[in-house]
């Protein structure tokens, strides 16, 4: 199982971020490790199923704001789209993950 977390780090509040993340993990996966918690997979899949075209638009907008318009276009093109409305909803997760990756670099 792979868990990806998109966090914008600020060294001044790194301890708060770690505490909040630990709390979220413990809240969603009480008293067990991630490998042992079968419900975690369905929780993760549910959040992916809830991805909307607006989520994709927001990520592309964020990417554009940091000067990576060409990278956003490249990702869309990879999925045979020239604009967000042409994206196949089955590709939302892949595109969303790629956009997150680009935003973190």
C-alpha atoms as a PDB file:
ATOM      1  CA  UNK A   1       0.000   0.000   0.000  1.00  0.00           C
ATOM      2  CA  UNK A   2       1.277   3.464  -0.847  1.00  0.00           C
ATOM      3  CA  UNK A   3       0.252   6.670   0.918  1.00  0.00           C
ATOM      4  CA  UNK A   4       0.916  10.038  -0.701  1.00  0.00           C
ATOM      5  CA  UNK A   5       0.559  13.211   1.288  1.00  0.00           C
ATOM      6  CA  UNK A   6       0.850  16.696  -0.155  1.00  0.00           C
ATOM      7  CA  UNK A   7       2.185  19.081   2.517  1.00  0.00           C
ATOM      8  CA  UNK A   8       3.657  22.526   2.069  1.00  0.00           C
ATOM      9  CA  UNK A   9       6.330  22.618   4.742  1.00  0.00           C
ATOM     10  CA  UNK A  10       7.173  25.643   6.816  1.00  0.00           C
ATOM     11  CA  UNK A  11      10.030  24.899   9.164  1.00  0.00           C
ATOM     12  CA  UNK A  12       8.532  27.080  11.870  1.00  0.00           C
ATOM     13  CA  UNK A  13       5.459  24.876  12.226  1.00  0.00           C
ATOM     14  CA  UNK A  14       6.825  21.450  11.307  1.00  0.00           C
ATOM     15  CA  UNK A  15       5.989  20.047  14.761  1.00  0.00           C
ATOM     16  CA  UNK A  16       2.364  21.171  14.418  1.00  0.00           C
ATOM     17  CA  UNK A  17       2.131  19.519  10.995  1.00  0.00           C
ATOM     18  CA  UNK A  18       3.557  16.270  12.344  1.00  0.00           C
ATOM     19  CA  UNK A  19       1.165  16.331  15.311  1.00  0.00           C
ATOM     20  CA  UNK A  20      -1.853  16.991  13.082  1.00  0.00           C
ATOM     21  CA  UNK A  21      -0.809  14.263  10.649  1.00  0.00           C
ATOM     22  CA  UNK A  22      -0.329  11.783  13.491  1.00  0.00           C
ATOM     23  CA  UNK A  23      -3.749  12.700  14.841  1.00  0.00           C
ATOM     24  CA  UNK A  24      -5.394  12.170  11.460  1.00  0.00           C
ATOM     25  CA  UNK A  25      -3.734   8.808  10.987  1.00  0.00           C
ATOM     26  CA  UNK A  26      -4.628   7.685  14.507  1.00  0.00           C
ATOM     27  CA  UNK A  27      -8.202   8.917  14.096  1.00  0.00           C
ATOM     28  CA  UNK A  28      -8.707   7.027  10.839  1.00  0.00           C
ATOM     29  CA  UNK A  29      -6.678   3.955  11.751  1.00  0.00           C
ATOM     30  CA  UNK A  30      -7.021   3.398  15.493  1.00  0.00           C
ATOM     31  CA  UNK A  31      -4.894   0.804  17.301  1.00  0.00           C
ATOM     32  CA  UNK A  32      -3.431  -0.855  14.218  1.00  0.00           C
ATOM     33  CA  UNK A  33      -0.730  -0.417  11.672  1.00  0.00           C
ATOM     34  CA  UNK A  34      -1.534   0.749   8.154  1.00  0.00           C
ATOM     35  CA  UNK A  35      -0.713  -2.672   6.731  1.00  0.00           C
ATOM     36  CA  UNK A  36      -3.265  -4.321   9.025  1.00  0.00           C
ATOM     37  CA  UNK A  37      -6.135  -1.909   8.476  1.00  0.00           C
ATOM     38  CA  UNK A  38      -8.286  -3.082   5.565  1.00  0.00           C
ATOM     39  CA  UNK A  39     -10.720  -0.196   6.065  1.00  0.00           C
ATOM     40  CA  UNK A  40      -7.955   2.262   5.220  1.00  0.00           C
ATOM     41  CA  UNK A  41      -7.957   1.098   1.616  1.00  0.00           C
ATOM     42  CA  UNK A  42     -11.670   1.753   1.246  1.00  0.00           C
ATOM     43  CA  UNK A  43     -11.264   5.145   2.953  1.00  0.00           C
ATOM     44  CA  UNK A  44      -8.508   6.015   0.511  1.00  0.00           C
ATOM     45  CA  UNK A  45     -10.534   4.804  -2.483  1.00  0.00           C
ATOM     46  CA  UNK A  46     -13.543   6.788  -1.338  1.00  0.00           C
ATOM     47  CA  UNK A  47     -11.556  10.012  -1.357  1.00  0.00           C
ATOM     48  CA  UNK A  48     -10.317   9.222  -4.863  1.00  0.00           C
ATOM     49  CA  UNK A  49     -13.866   8.556  -6.018  1.00  0.00           C
ATOM     50  CA  UNK A  50     -14.823  11.997  -4.746  1.00  0.00           C
ATOM     51  CA  UNK A  51     -12.306  13.784  -6.955  1.00  0.00           C
ATOM     52  CA  UNK A  52     -14.090  16.256  -9.165  1.00  0.00           C
ATOM     53  CA  UNK A  53     -13.204  18.248 -12.222  1.00  0.00           C
ATOM     54  CA  UNK A  54     -12.993  21.271  -9.915  1.00  0.00           C
ATOM     55  CA  UNK A  55     -10.250  19.531  -7.920  1.00  0.00           C
ATOM     56  CA  UNK A  56      -8.286  19.115 -11.146  1.00  0.00           C
ATOM     57  CA  UNK A  57      -8.952  22.736 -12.145  1.00  0.00           C
ATOM     58  CA  UNK A  58      -7.711  23.949  -8.768  1.00  0.00           C
ATOM     59  CA  UNK A  59      -4.488  21.964  -9.065  1.00  0.00           C
ATOM     60  CA  UNK A  60      -3.895  23.224 -12.607  1.00  0.00           C
ATOM     61  CA  UNK A  61      -4.547  26.769 -11.427  1.00  0.00           C
ATOM     62  CA  UNK A  62      -2.024  26.333  -8.612  1.00  0.00           C
ATOM     63  CA  UNK A  63       0.521  24.954 -11.064  1.00  0.00           C
ATOM     64  CA  UNK A  64      -0.075  27.883 -13.421  1.00  0.00           C
ATOM     65  CA  UNK A  65       0.365  30.384 -10.589  1.00  0.00           C
ATOM     66  CA  UNK A  66       3.879  29.122  -9.930  1.00  0.00           C
ATOM     67  CA  UNK A  67       4.828  29.435 -13.601  1.00  0.00           C
ATOM     68  CA  UNK A  68       4.379  25.847 -14.729  1.00  0.00           C
ATOM     69  CA  UNK A  69       1.692  26.396 -17.365  1.00  0.00           C
ATOM     70  CA  UNK A  70       3.594  24.306 -19.910  1.00  0.00           C
ATOM     71  CA  UNK A  71       3.829  21.410 -17.436  1.00  0.00           C
ATOM     72  CA  UNK A  72       0.067  21.567 -16.824  1.00  0.00           C
ATOM     73  CA  UNK A  73      -0.535  21.480 -20.590  1.00  0.00           C
ATOM     74  CA  UNK A  74       1.886  18.590 -20.928  1.00  0.00           C
ATOM     75  CA  UNK A  75       0.007  16.564 -18.308  1.00  0.00           C
ATOM     76  CA  UNK A  76      -3.351  17.270 -19.980  1.00  0.00           C
ATOM     77  CA  UNK A  77      -1.909  16.338 -23.364  1.00  0.00           C
ATOM     78  CA  UNK A  78      -0.649  13.046 -21.939  1.00  0.00           C
ATOM     79  CA  UNK A  79      -4.306  12.166 -21.302  1.00  0.00           C
ATOM     80  CA  UNK A  80      -5.502  13.355 -24.743  1.00  0.00           C
ATOM     81  CA  UNK A  81      -6.996  16.593 -23.466  1.00  0.00           C
ATOM     82  CA  UNK A  82      -6.328  20.197 -24.369  1.00  0.00           C
ATOM     83  CA  UNK A  83      -8.652  21.565 -21.693  1.00  0.00           C
ATOM     84  CA  UNK A  84      -9.890  20.295 -18.343  1.00  0.00           C
ATOM     85  CA  UNK A  85     -13.421  19.589 -19.577  1.00  0.00           C
ATOM     86  CA  UNK A  86     -11.993  16.984 -21.982  1.00  0.00           C
ATOM     87  CA  UNK A  87     -10.442  14.861 -19.231  1.00  0.00           C
ATOM     88  CA  UNK A  88     -11.890  11.389 -18.829  1.00  0.00           C
ATOM     89  CA  UNK A  89     -13.095  11.034 -15.235  1.00  0.00           C
ATOM     90  CA  UNK A  90     -11.305   7.678 -15.024  1.00  0.00           C
ATOM     91  CA  UNK A  91      -8.030   9.597 -15.323  1.00  0.00           C
ATOM     92  CA  UNK A  92      -8.748  12.082 -12.509  1.00  0.00           C
ATOM     93  CA  UNK A  93      -6.687  10.205  -9.931  1.00  0.00           C
ATOM     94  CA  UNK A  94      -3.647   9.865 -12.185  1.00  0.00           C
ATOM     95  CA  UNK A  95      -3.796  13.481 -13.313  1.00  0.00           C
ATOM     96  CA  UNK A  96      -4.390  14.732  -9.766  1.00  0.00           C
ATOM     97  CA  UNK A  97      -1.367  12.773  -8.514  1.00  0.00           C
ATOM     98  CA  UNK A  98       0.833  14.074 -11.340  1.00  0.00           C
ATOM     99  CA  UNK A  99      -0.252  17.655 -10.656  1.00  0.00           C
ATOM    100  CA  UNK A 100       0.483  17.184  -6.934  1.00  0.00           C
ATOM    101  CA  UNK A 101       3.912  15.838  -7.803  1.00  0.00           C
ATOM    102  CA  UNK A 102       4.665  18.867  -9.976  1.00  0.00           C
ATOM    103  CA  UNK A 103       3.446  21.223  -7.272  1.00  0.00           C
ATOM    104  CA  UNK A 104       5.778  19.636  -4.744  1.00  0.00           C
ATOM    105  CA  UNK A 105       8.853  20.103  -6.944  1.00  0.00           C
END
